[in-house]
Amino acid sequence: MVRHQFEGTHTGAAFQGVPATQRRVTIPATVIYEYKDGKATNLWLNADFLGLLVQLGAVPAPGARQKGGDSRRHLGLQLSGRPGRL
């Protein structure tokens, strides 16, 4: 298991439908690796993508008051419980 954080600037292509904002962002993450015969064969990533979307201004912070409608609808987020393959 590795705990770390991603840091960067939102530039270039859109992320989840959010055009580049030029904002600096930091999100914590944890990666769990599965090994077989001394080699990593699977990984599971748990990162604070909601926190990232809040930092980008795409969604309001949890608990923040919202003006009209649910801003999460347009993001088209799809999450999967399947592990990634290396």
Protein backbone atom coordinates (compact mmCIF):
# COMPACT_ATOMS: atom_id res chain seq x y z
CA MET A 1 0.00 0.00 0.00
CA VAL A 2 1.27 3.46 -0.92
CA ARG A 3 -0.20 6.71 0.37
CA HIS A 4 0.64 9.83 -1.61
CA GLN A 5 -0.86 12.93 -3.16
CA PHE A 6 -1.24 14.14 -6.70
CA GLU A 7 -0.31 17.76 -7.34
CA GLY A 8 -0.59 19.68 -10.56
CA THR A 9 -2.20 22.38 -12.65
CA HIS A 10 -5.41 21.71 -14.58
CA THR A 11 -4.29 22.46 -18.16
CA GLY A 12 -4.83 20.92 -21.58
CA ALA A 13 -7.78 18.63 -22.26
CA ALA A 14 -11.02 18.77 -20.30
CA PHE A 15 -11.33 16.53 -17.22
CA GLN A 16 -14.78 14.98 -16.76
CA GLY A 17 -16.24 17.66 -19.01
CA VAL A 18 -14.57 20.54 -17.12
CA PRO A 19 -12.47 22.71 -19.47
CA ALA A 20 -8.95 23.58 -18.31
CA THR A 21 -9.12 26.04 -15.39
CA GLN A 22 -5.39 26.70 -14.89
CA ARG A 23 -6.00 26.04 -11.16
CA ARG A 24 -3.39 24.29 -8.98
CA VAL A 25 -4.87 21.20 -7.33
CA THR A 26 -3.77 18.66 -4.73
CA ILE A 27 -5.59 15.40 -4.00
CA PRO A 28 -4.66 12.63 -1.56
CA ALA A 29 -4.62 9.05 -2.83
CA THR A 30 -3.88 5.50 -1.75
CA VAL A 31 -2.80 2.68 -4.07
CA ILE A 32 -2.96 -0.97 -3.04
CA TYR A 33 -0.84 -3.35 -5.10
CA GLU A 34 -1.27 -7.10 -5.46
CA TYR A 35 1.91 -9.07 -6.14
CA LYS A 36 2.48 -12.50 -7.65
CA ASP A 37 5.94 -14.00 -8.05
CA GLY A 38 7.52 -10.70 -7.03
CA LYS A 39 5.68 -8.67 -9.70
CA ALA A 40 2.73 -6.30 -9.32
CA THR A 41 -0.27 -7.89 -11.06
CA ASN A 42 -3.17 -5.69 -9.90
CA LEU A 43 -3.71 -2.30 -8.35
CA TRP A 44 -6.57 -0.46 -6.72
CA LEU A 45 -6.54 3.35 -6.64
CA ASN A 46 -8.52 5.33 -4.10
CA ALA A 47 -8.23 9.07 -4.76
CA ASP A 48 -10.30 12.06 -3.67
CA PHE A 49 -11.84 12.87 -7.06
CA LEU A 50 -14.74 14.73 -5.43
CA GLY A 51 -12.15 16.97 -3.76
CA LEU A 52 -10.53 17.49 -7.16
CA LEU A 53 -13.83 18.52 -8.76
CA VAL A 54 -14.46 20.93 -5.85
CA GLN A 55 -10.98 22.47 -6.35
CA LEU A 56 -11.73 22.87 -10.07
CA GLY A 57 -14.99 24.66 -9.24
CA ALA A 58 -17.03 21.98 -11.04
CA VAL A 59 -19.14 21.05 -8.00
CA PRO A 60 -19.84 22.86 -4.73
CA ALA A 61 -18.07 21.72 -1.58
CA PRO A 62 -20.07 19.12 0.39
CA GLY A 63 -22.52 20.95 2.61
CA ALA A 64 -22.31 24.17 0.56
CA ARG A 65 -25.59 25.74 -0.50
CA GLN A 66 -26.39 25.28 -4.15
CA LYS A 67 -28.25 27.60 -6.51
CA GLY A 68 -30.74 25.74 -8.70
CA GLY A 69 -30.44 22.09 -9.65
CA ASP A 70 -27.78 19.46 -9.15
CA SER A 71 -24.47 20.49 -10.76
CA ARG A 72 -23.21 16.89 -10.58
CA ARG A 73 -25.60 15.80 -13.34
CA HIS A 74 -23.53 17.16 -16.24
CA LEU A 75 -20.29 15.46 -15.16
CA GLY A 76 -21.26 11.98 -16.36
CA LEU A 77 -19.12 10.25 -13.71
CA GLN A 78 -18.93 6.49 -13.97
CA LEU A 79 -17.22 4.51 -11.22
CA SER A 80 -16.23 0.87 -11.36
CA GLY A 81 -15.42 -1.49 -8.52
CA ARG A 82 -13.18 -3.61 -10.76
CA PRO A 83 -9.44 -3.57 -10.07
CA GLY A 84 -7.06 -2.22 -12.66
CA ARG A 85 -4.66 -4.54 -14.49
CA LEU A 86 -0.98 -3.77 -14.87
